[in-house]
């Protein structure tokens, strides 16, 4: 028996086919209605980035943009709702700035134009939130300045009897300023501005902001500093004024002279006014201006100059530039003898093994009482190589200071030896 050929119309007697066909037809009809009868609307696409080709300007003219360089605009478009509200439409819009008129240093108003990526977008442009953007172009320049502290005190800076010395920067006070050449050329100085609210009796550290200034006191535009932060910390040193007698100490003394020096010492001026931190002044009756090594002292009159600027722990006032220390050695003799071949080692670091390579001298001058000096010779003097200051990790040859070790005599002059450390 032959199968009956099924006609298309017969499918409509199949409920399942009718259901599927109905669904497809409904979707098609809906799409046709949406496309053909969708309402025309106006829509604003917000925050569209403006494309500006800065690289070409820098390559052709050497000019760079400064200040605000990135812009966005709002674009109003009109068309079918399903098109203008689509995410694809947002990505399709391109806004560019016309830089063809940029040819020298200055501020330019760059005209904006809008276009699309797709050739037939299916919507129209109505307007932009702005038709132009303003950009400043100039040549890049860097210049270094010494930072000046500009500290404002709300009341009295210090009480009577105190003073503030030069401000202290925690790092180099040199700053490199970069920006447009026209603005950099206007800068006359860079200051660090800070404020102190209270009267100071001791050191204080504050945060100060870096500010570049022109001769007229205005602040240049579009500049930056090479610091990680435009805020730096400045220490304000505060000293109390005190008048004190001065003295010197002596090092590398022979054992007999630890408590009693074998010579006269005078200092001119004998007293001076100092600025000293208040905490350090407690119990301080005399101020030590220097420490003198016995190896610098010979028979007769020895004169040493101590510059005020070299004194640590205080500031010398009253325009005293230097102190003169006179050491008068009477009743002593000196003798120059051949250096011995052996040397003892003192202040040896850790468990290091030290051997003498060579003495860097052949003779040594000894100073002391006449009786003791008359008995000295090469065989009975003891010289010591001092390894103080040699790092424990040091291996190999090193140069060390050599001196005479004795009860009442000392070596005059500078002597060294080469030693091997292992």
Protein backbone atom coordinates (compact mmCIF):
# COMPACT_ATOMS: atom_id res chain seq x y z
CA UNK A 1 0.00 0.00 0.00
CA UNK A 2 1.42 3.42 -1.03
CA UNK A 3 2.11 6.09 1.64
CA UNK A 4 0.00 9.15 1.27
CA UNK A 5 2.08 12.27 0.48
CA UNK A 6 1.80 14.73 3.34
CA UNK A 7 0.94 18.29 2.40
CA UNK A 8 2.23 21.38 4.25
CA UNK A 9 -1.31 22.33 5.16
CA UNK A 10 -1.68 19.03 6.95
CA UNK A 11 0.94 20.17 9.49
CA UNK A 12 -1.52 22.61 10.91
CA UNK A 13 -3.58 19.66 12.16
CA UNK A 14 -0.59 18.75 14.35
CA UNK A 15 -0.95 20.59 17.66
CA UNK A 16 2.77 20.53 18.38
CA UNK A 17 3.64 22.09 15.04
CA UNK A 18 0.96 24.72 15.49
CA UNK A 19 2.42 25.63 18.90
CA UNK A 20 5.97 26.03 17.57
CA UNK A 21 4.81 27.89 14.48
CA UNK A 22 2.78 30.27 16.60
CA UNK A 23 5.72 31.10 18.82
CA UNK A 24 8.01 31.80 15.86
CA UNK A 25 5.37 33.91 14.17
CA UNK A 26 4.84 35.91 17.34
CA UNK A 27 8.55 36.66 17.66
CA UNK A 28 8.81 37.72 14.02
CA UNK A 29 5.79 39.96 14.31
CA UNK A 30 7.17 41.48 17.51
CA UNK A 31 10.51 42.22 15.84
CA UNK A 32 8.79 43.79 12.86
CA UNK A 33 6.72 45.98 15.17
CA UNK A 34 9.79 46.97 17.24
CA UNK A 35 11.82 47.85 14.17
CA UNK A 36 9.13 49.50 12.08
CA UNK A 37 7.03 51.08 14.76
CA UNK A 38 9.65 51.75 17.53
CA UNK A 39 9.37 55.39 18.64
CA UNK A 40 11.99 57.97 17.73
CA UNK A 41 13.70 59.28 20.90
CA UNK A 42 16.53 61.61 21.89
CA UNK A 43 19.21 60.10 24.13
CA UNK A 44 22.36 61.49 25.78
CA UNK A 45 25.45 59.30 25.91
CA UNK A 46 27.48 60.55 28.86
CA UNK A 47 31.25 60.56 29.41
CA UNK A 48 32.50 59.85 25.91
CA UNK A 49 36.33 60.23 26.00
CA UNK A 50 37.88 62.83 23.70
CA UNK A 51 40.70 61.43 21.57
CA UNK A 52 43.67 63.82 21.18
CA UNK A 53 46.83 62.82 19.32
CA UNK A 54 49.47 64.39 21.58
CA UNK A 55 52.23 62.09 20.33
CA UNK A 56 52.24 63.61 16.84
CA UNK A 57 52.54 67.17 18.23
CA UNK A 58 55.46 66.13 20.44
CA UNK A 59 57.15 64.30 17.58
CA UNK A 60 56.73 67.13 15.04
CA UNK A 61 57.13 70.21 17.27
CA UNK A 62 58.58 69.01 20.58
CA UNK A 63 55.55 70.44 22.41
CA UNK A 64 53.85 68.64 25.30
CA UNK A 65 50.44 69.23 26.90
CA UNK A 66 50.28 70.54 30.48
CA UNK A 67 47.46 70.90 32.96
CA UNK A 68 44.25 69.07 32.10
CA UNK A 69 44.92 66.75 29.17
CA UNK A 70 42.14 64.13 29.37
CA UNK A 71 38.54 65.13 28.62
CA UNK A 72 35.08 63.59 28.26
CA UNK A 73 31.92 65.01 26.69
CA UNK A 74 28.23 64.14 26.58
CA UNK A 75 26.83 63.36 23.10
CA UNK A 76 23.11 63.73 22.32
CA UNK A 77 21.79 61.47 19.58
CA UNK A 78 18.34 60.65 18.16
CA UNK A 79 16.88 57.58 16.49
CA UNK A 80 14.95 54.44 17.16
CA UNK A 81 14.88 53.56 20.83
CA UNK A 82 16.30 50.09 20.34
CA UNK A 83 19.31 51.62 18.54
CA UNK A 84 20.17 54.71 20.60
CA UNK A 85 19.91 52.88 23.93
CA UNK A 86 22.06 49.98 22.76
CA UNK A 87 25.51 49.36 24.34
CA UNK A 88 26.88 48.93 20.84
CA UNK A 89 25.92 52.53 20.07
CA UNK A 90 27.91 53.84 23.07
CA UNK A 91 31.01 52.09 21.78
CA UNK A 92 30.36 53.26 18.24
CA UNK A 93 30.68 57.00 18.98
CA UNK A 94 34.11 58.62 18.47
CA UNK A 95 34.93 62.21 19.56
CA UNK A 96 38.25 63.69 18.38
CA UNK A 97 39.95 67.05 18.92
CA UNK A 98 41.41 68.98 16.00
CA UNK A 99 45.10 69.75 16.73
CA UNK A 100 46.01 70.97 13.25
CA UNK A 101 46.31 74.59 14.42
CA UNK A 102 48.78 73.85 17.24
CA UNK A 103 52.13 75.28 16.11
CA UNK A 104 53.84 76.97 19.09
CA UNK A 105 53.74 77.55 22.84
CA UNK A 106 50.36 78.65 24.15
CA UNK A 107 46.80 77.77 25.11
CA UNK A 108 44.66 76.37 22.31
CA UNK A 109 40.92 75.80 22.03
CA UNK A 110 40.67 72.52 20.15
CA UNK A 111 37.46 72.03 18.14
CA UNK A 112 35.69 68.73 18.66
CA UNK A 113 34.12 66.60 16.00
CA UNK A 114 32.05 63.47 16.39
CA UNK A 115 31.95 60.42 14.13
CA UNK A 116 31.13 56.74 14.24
CA UNK A 117 33.02 53.54 13.79
CA UNK A 118 30.26 51.94 11.71
CA UNK A 119 29.57 53.43 8.25
CA UNK A 120 25.74 53.54 8.70
CA UNK A 121 24.99 53.93 12.42
CA UNK A 122 21.20 54.28 12.13
CA UNK A 123 21.04 57.34 14.41
CA UNK A 124 21.72 61.06 14.14
CA UNK A 125 23.96 63.40 16.18
CA UNK A 126 22.17 66.35 17.75
CA UNK A 127 24.89 68.13 19.78
CA UNK A 128 27.86 67.85 22.13
CA UNK A 129 27.95 69.17 25.69
CA UNK A 130 30.90 71.30 24.56
CA UNK A 131 32.28 72.07 21.12
CA UNK A 132 35.88 72.60 22.22
CA UNK A 133 38.44 71.82 24.92
CA UNK A 134 41.29 74.02 26.12
CA UNK A 135 44.85 72.65 26.30
CA UNK A 136 48.14 74.40 27.12
CA UNK A 137 51.21 73.36 25.09
CA UNK A 138 54.85 74.12 25.92
CA UNK A 139 58.33 72.64 25.94
CA UNK A 140 59.30 70.38 28.85
CA UNK A 141 61.99 71.78 31.19
CA UNK A 142 63.63 70.85 34.51
CA UNK A 143 65.61 73.07 36.86
CA UNK A 144 67.10 72.63 40.34
CA UNK A 145 66.56 75.00 43.27
CA UNK A 146 67.75 75.15 46.87
CA UNK A 147 64.75 74.92 49.19
CA UNK A 148 64.31 77.85 51.57
CA UNK A 149 62.43 77.33 54.82
CA UNK A 150 59.45 79.68 55.22
CA UNK A 151 58.13 79.02 58.71
CA UNK A 152 55.37 81.10 60.29
CA UNK A 153 55.17 81.35 64.08
CA UNK A 154 51.73 82.11 65.47
CA UNK A 155 53.22 83.62 68.65
CA UNK A 156 56.73 84.16 70.02
CA UNK A 157 59.12 81.71 68.40
CA UNK A 158 61.08 81.11 71.64
CA UNK A 159 61.15 82.49 75.21
CA UNK A 160 63.81 85.03 76.20
CA UNK A 161 67.24 83.44 76.46
CA UNK A 162 66.62 80.98 73.62
CA UNK A 163 67.14 81.18 69.89
CA UNK A 164 66.52 79.21 66.71
CA UNK A 165 69.44 78.19 64.52
CA UNK A 166 69.41 77.24 60.84
CA UNK A 167 66.61 74.89 59.88
CA UNK A 168 67.60 71.29 59.23
CA UNK A 169 66.33 69.30 56.26
CA UNK A 170 66.21 65.50 56.70
CA UNK A 171 67.66 65.02 53.20
CA UNK A 172 69.19 67.17 50.49
CA UNK A 173 67.59 70.61 50.37
CA UNK A 174 67.92 70.60 46.58
CA UNK A 175 64.71 70.04 44.64
CA UNK A 176 64.25 69.54 40.91
CA UNK A 177 61.22 71.28 39.44
CA UNK A 178 59.75 70.17 36.12
CA UNK A 179 57.01 71.58 33.93
CA UNK A 180 56.42 73.91 30.98
CA UNK A 181 59.48 75.94 30.06
CA UNK A 182 57.61 79.26 30.16
CA UNK A 183 56.50 78.64 33.75
CA UNK A 184 59.82 77.19 34.95
CA UNK A 185 61.61 80.31 33.70
CA UNK A 186 59.42 82.44 35.98
CA UNK A 187 60.51 80.67 39.18
CA UNK A 188 62.88 82.64 41.39
CA UNK A 189 62.87 80.36 44.47
CA UNK A 190 61.27 77.33 46.07
CA UNK A 191 60.16 77.53 49.71
CA UNK A 192 58.94 75.01 52.26
CA UNK A 193 56.01 76.59 54.10
CA UNK A 194 54.99 75.45 57.54
CA UNK A 195 53.33 76.79 60.68
CA UNK A 196 54.33 76.52 64.35
CA UNK A 197 51.53 77.09 66.84
CA UNK A 198 53.46 77.05 70.15
CA UNK A 199 56.48 78.83 71.62
CA UNK A 200 59.48 76.47 71.42
CA UNK A 201 61.98 75.59 74.15
CA UNK A 202 63.39 72.54 72.39
CA UNK A 203 63.75 71.11 68.88
CA UNK A 204 60.58 70.59 66.90
CA UNK A 205 59.91 68.87 63.56
CA UNK A 206 57.09 70.03 61.33
CA UNK A 207 55.59 69.22 57.94
CA UNK A 208 56.18 71.93 55.34
CA UNK A 209 54.72 72.19 51.84
CA UNK A 210 56.91 72.90 48.82
CA UNK A 211 55.87 76.02 46.93
CA UNK A 212 57.55 77.53 43.85
CA UNK A 213 57.37 81.30 43.61
CA UNK A 214 58.03 83.95 40.98
CA UNK A 215 59.71 87.27 41.78
CA UNK A 216 56.26 88.77 42.22
CA UNK A 217 55.27 86.06 44.69
CA UNK A 218 52.81 84.22 42.45
CA UNK A 219 52.77 80.45 41.96
CA UNK A 220 53.62 79.13 38.46
CA UNK A 221 51.19 76.73 36.78
CA UNK A 222 51.52 73.07 35.83
CA UNK A 223 54.78 72.37 37.72
CA UNK A 224 55.80 69.31 39.72
CA UNK A 225 58.63 68.39 42.09
CA UNK A 226 60.91 65.36 41.99
CA UNK A 227 60.00 64.50 45.60
CA UNK A 228 57.69 61.58 46.31
CA UNK A 229 55.59 64.07 48.25
CA UNK A 230 55.30 67.83 48.08
CA UNK A 231 55.41 67.83 51.89
CA UNK A 232 58.82 67.58 53.58
CA UNK A 233 59.78 67.44 57.25
CA UNK A 234 61.90 70.26 58.64
CA UNK A 235 63.58 70.25 62.05
CA UNK A 236 63.69 73.55 63.93
CA UNK A 237 66.76 73.52 66.23
CA UNK A 238 66.19 75.42 69.47
CA UNK A 239 69.07 76.38 71.76
CA UNK A 240 69.32 77.97 75.17
CA UNK A 241 71.94 80.68 75.57
CA UNK A 242 74.62 80.05 78.23
CA UNK A 243 78.05 81.53 78.97
CA UNK A 244 80.56 78.85 79.93
CA UNK A 245 84.31 78.42 80.39
CA UNK A 246 85.91 76.20 77.76
CA UNK A 247 88.32 73.27 77.94
CA UNK A 248 90.02 70.61 75.85
CA UNK A 249 90.33 66.91 76.51
CA UNK A 250 93.33 64.76 75.55
CA UNK A 251 93.42 61.21 74.18
CA UNK A 252 96.04 58.45 74.00
CA UNK A 253 97.53 59.56 77.30
CA UNK A 254 100.38 57.63 78.89
CA UNK A 255 99.12 55.90 82.03
CA UNK A 256 100.87 58.34 84.40
CA UNK A 257 98.98 61.28 82.90
CA UNK A 258 95.41 60.00 82.99
CA UNK A 259 94.55 62.30 85.88
CA UNK A 260 97.37 64.86 85.79
CA UNK A 261 98.61 66.43 82.59
CA UNK A 262 102.38 67.07 82.36
CA UNK A 263 101.95 70.49 80.74
CA UNK A 264 100.05 73.77 80.94
CA UNK A 265 96.98 74.41 78.83
CA UNK A 266 95.46 77.81 78.07
CA UNK A 267 92.58 78.65 75.74
CA UNK A 268 91.71 81.99 74.21
CA UNK A 269 89.01 83.08 74.63
CA UNK A 270 88.66 81.29 77.92
CA UNK A 271 84.88 81.65 78.01
CA UNK A 272 82.22 82.02 75.37
CA UNK A 273 78.50 82.27 74.90
CA UNK A 274 76.96 79.12 73.49
CA UNK A 275 73.63 78.01 72.22
CA UNK A 276 73.09 74.58 73.74
CA UNK A 277 70.06 72.26 73.81
CA UNK A 278 68.28 72.80 77.11
CA UNK A 279 68.50 69.13 78.15
CA UNK A 280 72.28 69.11 77.63
CA UNK A 281 72.78 72.15 79.82
CA UNK A 282 71.66 70.41 82.99
CA UNK A 283 74.75 70.04 85.23
CA UNK A 284 77.08 71.39 82.53
CA UNK A 285 79.67 73.74 84.07
CA UNK A 286 82.33 73.79 81.35
CA UNK A 287 82.14 73.15 77.61
CA UNK A 288 84.63 70.94 75.78
CA UNK A 289 85.57 72.44 72.43
CA UNK A 290 88.06 69.82 71.17
CA UNK A 291 89.95 66.62 71.88
CA UNK A 292 93.70 66.68 71.24
CA UNK A 293 95.83 63.60 70.63
CA UNK A 294 99.08 63.34 72.61
CA UNK A 295 100.80 62.46 69.33
CA UNK A 296 100.38 66.12 68.29
CA UNK A 297 102.25 67.46 71.33
CA UNK A 298 106.01 68.17 71.30
CA UNK A 299 108.30 69.89 73.75
CA UNK A 300 107.96 73.66 74.07
CA UNK A 301 104.91 75.63 72.95
CA UNK A 302 102.25 73.84 70.88
CA UNK A 303 99.41 75.86 69.41
CA UNK A 304 96.16 74.48 68.05
CA UNK A 305 93.29 76.30 66.35
CA UNK A 306 89.72 75.14 66.87
CA UNK A 307 87.25 76.63 64.42
CA UNK A 308 83.88 77.43 65.92
CA UNK A 309 82.19 75.81 62.94
CA UNK A 310 83.87 72.49 63.80
CA UNK A 311 82.48 72.38 67.35
CA UNK A 312 79.65 69.89 67.77
CA UNK A 313 76.80 69.87 70.27
CA UNK A 314 76.49 73.67 70.51
CA UNK A 315 76.55 76.87 68.52
CA UNK A 316 79.20 79.47 69.34
CA UNK A 317 77.82 83.01 69.62
CA UNK A 318 79.31 86.53 69.93
CA UNK A 319 81.14 86.32 66.57
CA UNK A 320 83.84 84.04 67.97
CA UNK A 321 85.23 82.36 64.84
CA UNK A 322 87.95 80.30 66.49
CA UNK A 323 89.62 79.30 69.73
CA UNK A 324 93.38 79.12 70.21
CA UNK A 325 94.60 76.29 72.44
CA UNK A 326 98.18 76.66 73.73
CA UNK A 327 99.90 73.64 75.27
CA UNK A 328 103.23 74.48 76.94
CA UNK A 329 105.47 71.48 77.63
CA UNK A 330 108.32 72.33 80.05
CA UNK A 331 110.86 69.99 81.65
CA UNK A 332 110.49 67.38 78.95
CA UNK A 333 112.88 66.02 76.35
CA UNK A 334 112.50 64.26 73.00
CA UNK A 335 114.51 61.60 71.24
CA UNK A 336 114.36 60.08 67.76
CA UNK A 337 115.39 56.44 67.62
CA UNK A 338 115.25 53.61 65.10
CA UNK A 339 111.94 51.77 65.08
CA UNK A 340 111.93 48.25 66.52
CA UNK A 341 111.14 45.29 64.30
CA UNK A 342 108.23 44.03 66.39
CA UNK A 343 104.88 45.53 67.29
CA UNK A 344 102.04 44.59 69.65
CA UNK A 345 98.41 44.70 68.60
CA UNK A 346 95.60 46.31 70.55
CA UNK A 347 91.83 46.43 69.97
CA UNK A 348 91.93 43.39 67.70
CA UNK A 349 88.42 42.74 66.30
CA UNK A 350 86.79 39.44 67.26
CA UNK A 351 88.95 36.37 66.87
CA UNK A 352 90.97 37.78 64.01
CA UNK A 353 94.56 36.69 63.47
CA UNK A 354 96.82 39.72 62.85
CA UNK A 355 100.37 39.72 61.48
CA UNK A 356 102.71 42.64 60.82
CA UNK A 357 103.50 43.10 57.13
CA UNK A 358 105.69 46.19 57.50
CA UNK A 359 106.13 49.39 59.44
CA UNK A 360 105.58 52.44 57.26
CA UNK A 361 108.39 54.31 59.03
CA UNK A 362 111.99 53.65 60.09
CA UNK A 363 112.37 56.11 62.98
CA UNK A 364 110.10 57.33 65.72
CA UNK A 365 110.28 60.41 67.96
CA UNK A 366 109.53 59.96 71.67
CA UNK A 367 108.66 62.77 74.15
CA UNK A 368 108.80 62.43 77.93
CA UNK A 369 110.69 63.25 81.13
CA UNK A 370 114.44 63.65 80.56
CA UNK A 371 115.32 60.74 82.83
CA UNK A 372 112.96 58.35 81.05
CA UNK A 373 114.00 59.54 77.59
CA UNK A 374 117.69 59.03 78.35
CA UNK A 375 117.06 55.33 79.03
CA UNK A 376 115.08 54.63 75.86
CA UNK A 377 116.51 52.77 72.88
CA UNK A 378 115.27 50.60 70.07
CA UNK A 379 115.35 47.47 72.20
CA UNK A 380 113.25 48.70 75.10
CA UNK A 381 110.49 50.75 73.51
CA UNK A 382 107.14 49.13 72.86
CA UNK A 383 105.07 50.26 69.95
CA UNK A 384 101.44 49.26 69.51
CA UNK A 385 99.35 48.97 66.36
CA UNK A 386 95.80 50.05 67.13
CA UNK A 387 93.12 48.15 65.22
CA UNK A 388 90.29 50.20 66.66
CA UNK A 389 87.88 51.03 63.86
CA UNK A 390 88.79 48.01 61.73
CA UNK A 391 85.62 46.15 60.75
CA UNK A 392 85.30 42.58 62.02
CA UNK A 393 84.69 41.42 58.45
CA UNK A 394 87.98 42.88 57.19
CA UNK A 395 90.28 40.30 55.62
CA UNK A 396 93.66 40.98 54.04
CA UNK A 397 96.02 43.95 54.34
CA UNK A 398 95.00 47.07 56.24
CA UNK A 399 96.73 50.26 57.38
CA UNK A 400 96.57 50.98 61.13
CA UNK A 401 97.83 53.68 63.48
CA UNK A 402 101.01 52.99 65.50
CA UNK A 403 101.98 54.64 68.79
CA UNK A 404 104.32 54.18 71.74
CA UNK A 405 102.87 52.44 74.80
CA UNK A 406 104.64 53.69 77.92
CA UNK A 407 103.96 54.98 81.45
CA UNK A 408 105.25 58.52 81.03
CA UNK A 409 106.40 58.89 77.39
CA UNK A 410 104.54 59.25 74.13
CA UNK A 411 105.30 59.24 70.41
CA UNK A 412 105.18 62.53 68.52
CA UNK A 413 103.97 62.44 64.93
CA UNK A 414 101.81 60.21 62.76
CA UNK A 415 102.94 56.63 62.27
CA UNK A 416 101.25 53.73 60.51
CA UNK A 417 101.87 50.08 59.82
CA UNK A 418 100.56 47.60 57.26
CA UNK A 419 99.08 44.49 58.83
CA UNK A 420 97.44 41.37 57.45
CA UNK A 421 94.15 40.26 58.99
CA UNK A 422 92.85 36.72 58.60
